[in-house]
Amino acid sequence: MTDEELLLNAPDLKTMYFDGFGAFRKINGVLRCIGYIIDNGAQMNLVVSLAGARNANAEAKRVLEENPTVGSAILERLRLAH
């Protein structure tokens, strides 16, 4: 699915918050991990195909390393001004 298709489907989805993922392991051709919330423990088992996990890892890395958005840059300048 494209990002646009995913975003069109997103309003109907339940929102889930995680502080992180752990217990990563490859079993039977899939990547498995557990989403957790600090002080609340395990919240969800996540199973992803290895190909999907590789693509998601590369895309997440790209997004995390890109320059801040215009709004973030403005907020940073306001913070520095005070």
N, C-alpha and C. Protein backbone atom coordinates (compact mmCIF):
# COMPACT_ATOMS: atom_id res chain seq x y z
N MET A 1 0.84 -1.18 0.00
CA MET A 1 0.00 0.00 0.00
C MET A 1 0.88 1.24 0.00
N THR A 2 0.41 2.27 -0.63
CA THR A 2 1.14 3.53 -0.62
C THR A 2 0.84 4.29 0.68
N ASP A 3 1.67 5.28 0.98
CA ASP A 3 1.43 6.11 2.16
C ASP A 3 0.08 6.81 2.06
N GLU A 4 -0.28 7.25 0.87
CA GLU A 4 -1.56 7.94 0.68
C GLU A 4 -2.73 7.02 1.00
N GLU A 5 -2.65 5.76 0.55
CA GLU A 5 -3.71 4.79 0.84
C GLU A 5 -3.79 4.51 2.33
N LEU A 6 -2.64 4.40 2.97
CA LEU A 6 -2.63 4.16 4.41
C LEU A 6 -3.25 5.32 5.17
N LEU A 7 -2.90 6.55 4.78
CA LEU A 7 -3.46 7.72 5.45
C LEU A 7 -4.97 7.83 5.26
N LEU A 8 -5.47 7.40 4.11
CA LEU A 8 -6.92 7.41 3.88
C LEU A 8 -7.64 6.41 4.79
N ASN A 9 -6.99 5.31 5.12
CA ASN A 9 -7.57 4.30 6.00
C ASN A 9 -7.39 4.62 7.48
N ALA A 10 -6.44 5.46 7.82
CA ALA A 10 -6.05 5.70 9.21
C ALA A 10 -7.16 6.24 10.11
N PRO A 11 -8.06 7.12 9.64
CA PRO A 11 -9.07 7.66 10.57
C PRO A 11 -9.95 6.59 11.22
N ASP A 12 -10.10 5.44 10.60
CA ASP A 12 -10.94 4.38 11.16
C ASP A 12 -10.19 3.46 12.11
N LEU A 13 -8.91 3.69 12.28
CA LEU A 13 -8.09 2.79 13.11
C LEU A 13 -8.02 3.27 14.55
N LYS A 14 -7.88 2.31 15.46
CA LYS A 14 -7.66 2.62 16.86
C LYS A 14 -6.24 3.14 17.03
N THR A 15 -6.06 4.22 17.77
CA THR A 15 -4.73 4.76 18.05
C THR A 15 -4.13 4.03 19.24
N MET A 16 -2.88 3.60 19.09
CA MET A 16 -2.18 2.91 20.16
C MET A 16 -0.86 3.64 20.38
N TYR A 17 -0.51 3.90 21.64
CA TYR A 17 0.73 4.59 21.97
C TYR A 17 1.71 3.60 22.58
N PHE A 18 2.98 3.67 22.18
CA PHE A 18 4.03 2.84 22.76
C PHE A 18 5.24 3.70 23.06
N ASP A 19 5.92 3.39 24.15
CA ASP A 19 7.19 4.04 24.45
C ASP A 19 8.32 3.39 23.67
N GLY A 20 8.12 2.18 23.23
CA GLY A 20 9.16 1.49 22.47
C GLY A 20 8.76 0.06 22.16
N PHE A 21 9.68 -0.64 21.52
CA PHE A 21 9.50 -2.04 21.16
C PHE A 21 10.71 -2.81 21.65
N GLY A 22 10.50 -4.03 22.07
CA GLY A 22 11.59 -4.86 22.56
C GLY A 22 11.34 -6.32 22.27
N ALA A 23 12.20 -7.17 22.79
CA ALA A 23 12.12 -8.62 22.60
C ALA A 23 12.06 -8.97 21.12
N PHE A 24 12.91 -8.32 20.32
CA PHE A 24 12.96 -8.60 18.88
C PHE A 24 13.51 -10.00 18.64
N ARG A 25 12.85 -10.74 17.73
CA ARG A 25 13.35 -12.05 17.35
C ARG A 25 12.78 -12.42 15.98
N LYS A 26 13.56 -13.22 15.23
CA LYS A 26 13.11 -13.74 13.93
C LYS A 26 12.70 -15.19 14.15
N ILE A 27 11.45 -15.49 13.86
CA ILE A 27 10.92 -16.84 14.03
C ILE A 27 10.05 -17.17 12.81
N ASN A 28 10.36 -18.27 12.17
CA ASN A 28 9.56 -18.75 11.04
C ASN A 28 9.36 -17.70 9.94
N GLY A 29 10.42 -16.96 9.64
CA GLY A 29 10.37 -16.01 8.53
C GLY A 29 9.67 -14.70 8.81
N VAL A 30 9.41 -14.39 10.08
CA VAL A 30 8.81 -13.10 10.42
C VAL A 30 9.59 -12.47 11.57
N LEU A 31 9.51 -11.16 11.68
CA LEU A 31 10.10 -10.44 12.80
C LEU A 31 9.01 -10.27 13.85
N ARG A 32 9.31 -10.66 15.06
CA ARG A 32 8.36 -10.51 16.16
C ARG A 32 8.96 -9.59 17.20
N CYS A 33 8.11 -8.74 17.78
CA CYS A 33 8.55 -7.90 18.89
C CYS A 33 7.33 -7.56 19.73
N ILE A 34 7.60 -6.91 20.84
CA ILE A 34 6.54 -6.54 21.78
C ILE A 34 6.57 -5.04 21.99
N GLY A 35 5.43 -4.40 21.77
CA GLY A 35 5.29 -2.98 22.06
C GLY A 35 5.01 -2.81 23.54
N TYR A 36 5.68 -1.83 24.17
CA TYR A 36 5.49 -1.65 25.60
C TYR A 36 5.30 -0.18 25.96
N ILE A 37 4.73 0.02 27.13
CA ILE A 37 4.59 1.35 27.71
C ILE A 37 5.32 1.31 29.05
N ILE A 38 6.17 2.31 29.28
CA ILE A 38 6.93 2.36 30.53
C ILE A 38 5.95 2.37 31.71
N ASP A 39 6.23 1.59 32.70
CA ASP A 39 5.43 1.41 33.92
C ASP A 39 4.15 0.61 33.72
N ASN A 40 3.78 0.28 32.47
CA ASN A 40 2.60 -0.55 32.23
C ASN A 40 2.97 -1.87 31.58
N GLY A 41 4.20 -2.01 31.10
CA GLY A 41 4.67 -3.27 30.53
C GLY A 41 4.16 -3.55 29.13
N ALA A 42 4.14 -4.83 28.79
CA ALA A 42 3.80 -5.29 27.44
C ALA A 42 2.37 -4.90 27.08
N GLN A 43 2.18 -4.44 25.86
CA GLN A 43 0.86 -3.99 25.40
C GLN A 43 0.39 -4.70 24.13
N MET A 44 1.34 -5.12 23.26
CA MET A 44 0.94 -5.69 21.98
C MET A 44 2.06 -6.55 21.41
N ASN A 45 1.69 -7.69 20.85
CA ASN A 45 2.62 -8.50 20.07
C ASN A 45 2.56 -8.02 18.63
N LEU A 46 3.69 -7.73 18.03
CA LEU A 46 3.74 -7.26 16.65
C LEU A 46 4.48 -8.29 15.82
N VAL A 47 3.88 -8.70 14.70
CA VAL A 47 4.49 -9.66 13.79
C VAL A 47 4.53 -9.02 12.41
N VAL A 48 5.73 -8.95 11.81
CA VAL A 48 5.92 -8.29 10.52
C VAL A 48 6.76 -9.20 9.63
N SER A 49 6.40 -9.26 8.34
CA SER A 49 7.23 -10.02 7.42
C SER A 49 8.63 -9.43 7.41
N LEU A 50 9.64 -10.24 7.13
CA LEU A 50 11.01 -9.73 7.12
C LEU A 50 11.19 -8.64 6.07
N ALA A 51 10.60 -8.82 4.90
CA ALA A 51 10.70 -7.80 3.85
C ALA A 51 10.03 -6.50 4.31
N GLY A 52 8.87 -6.61 4.93
CA GLY A 52 8.17 -5.43 5.44
C GLY A 52 8.95 -4.75 6.55
N ALA A 53 9.59 -5.55 7.40
CA ALA A 53 10.38 -4.98 8.50
C ALA A 53 11.59 -4.22 7.96
N ARG A 54 12.24 -4.77 6.94
CA ARG A 54 13.39 -4.08 6.35
C ARG A 54 12.96 -2.74 5.74
N ASN A 55 11.85 -2.74 5.01
CA ASN A 55 11.36 -1.50 4.40
C ASN A 55 10.94 -0.49 5.46
N ALA A 56 10.25 -0.96 6.49
CA ALA A 56 9.81 -0.06 7.56
C ALA A 56 11.00 0.52 8.31
N ASN A 57 12.03 -0.28 8.54
CA ASN A 57 13.23 0.18 9.22
C ASN A 57 13.91 1.29 8.41
N ALA A 58 14.04 1.09 7.11
CA ALA A 58 14.68 2.09 6.25
C ALA A 58 13.86 3.38 6.21
N GLU A 59 12.54 3.25 6.12
CA GLU A 59 11.68 4.44 6.06
C GLU A 59 11.68 5.19 7.39
N ALA A 60 11.63 4.46 8.50
CA ALA A 60 11.68 5.11 9.82
C ALA A 60 13.00 5.85 10.00
N LYS A 61 14.10 5.24 9.59
CA LYS A 61 15.41 5.88 9.69
C LYS A 61 15.44 7.16 8.86
N ARG A 62 14.89 7.12 7.65
CA ARG A 62 14.85 8.30 6.79
C ARG A 62 14.07 9.43 7.45
N VAL A 63 12.90 9.13 8.00
CA VAL A 63 12.07 10.15 8.61
C VAL A 63 12.72 10.71 9.87
N LEU A 64 13.34 9.86 10.68
CA LEU A 64 13.97 10.34 11.91
C LEU A 64 15.18 11.22 11.64
N GLU A 65 15.84 11.03 10.50
CA GLU A 65 17.05 11.80 10.20
C GLU A 65 16.80 13.04 9.34
N GLU A 66 15.56 13.22 8.83
CA GLU A 66 15.32 14.37 7.97
C GLU A 66 15.24 15.65 8.80
N ASN A 67 15.41 16.77 8.15
CA ASN A 67 15.38 18.07 8.81
C ASN A 67 14.01 18.33 9.40
N PRO A 68 13.95 19.13 10.47
CA PRO A 68 12.65 19.41 11.10
C PRO A 68 11.71 20.13 10.15
N THR A 69 10.43 19.99 10.41
CA THR A 69 9.44 20.69 9.60
C THR A 69 9.47 22.17 9.92
N VAL A 70 8.81 22.95 9.11
CA VAL A 70 8.81 24.41 9.30
C VAL A 70 8.29 24.76 10.68
N GLY A 71 7.21 24.13 11.13
CA GLY A 71 6.65 24.42 12.45
C GLY A 71 7.63 24.15 13.56
N SER A 72 8.36 23.06 13.46
CA SER A 72 9.35 22.72 14.48
C SER A 72 10.48 23.74 14.50
N ALA A 73 10.89 24.20 13.33
CA ALA A 73 11.97 25.19 13.26
C ALA A 73 11.52 26.50 13.90
N ILE A 74 10.29 26.90 13.67
CA ILE A 74 9.77 28.13 14.27
C ILE A 74 9.72 27.99 15.78
N LEU A 75 9.24 26.86 16.28
CA LEU A 75 9.18 26.65 17.73
C LEU A 75 10.57 26.67 18.35
N GLU A 76 11.55 26.11 17.65
CA GLU A 76 12.91 26.10 18.17
C GLU A 76 13.46 27.53 18.25
N ARG A 77 13.18 28.35 17.24
CA ARG A 77 13.64 29.74 17.29
C ARG A 77 12.97 30.50 18.42
N LEU A 78 11.67 30.24 18.65
CA LEU A 78 10.97 30.90 19.76
C LEU A 78 11.59 30.48 21.10
N ARG A 79 11.92 29.20 21.22
CA ARG A 79 12.53 28.71 22.46
C ARG A 79 13.86 29.40 22.70
N LEU A 80 14.66 29.55 21.64
CA LEU A 80 15.96 30.20 21.78
C LEU A 80 15.82 31.69 22.10
N ALA A 81 14.76 32.31 21.63
CA ALA A 81 14.55 33.74 21.88
C ALA A 81 14.22 34.02 23.33
N HIS A 82 13.76 33.02 24.06
CA HIS A 82 13.38 33.24 25.46
C HIS A 82 14.46 32.69 26.31
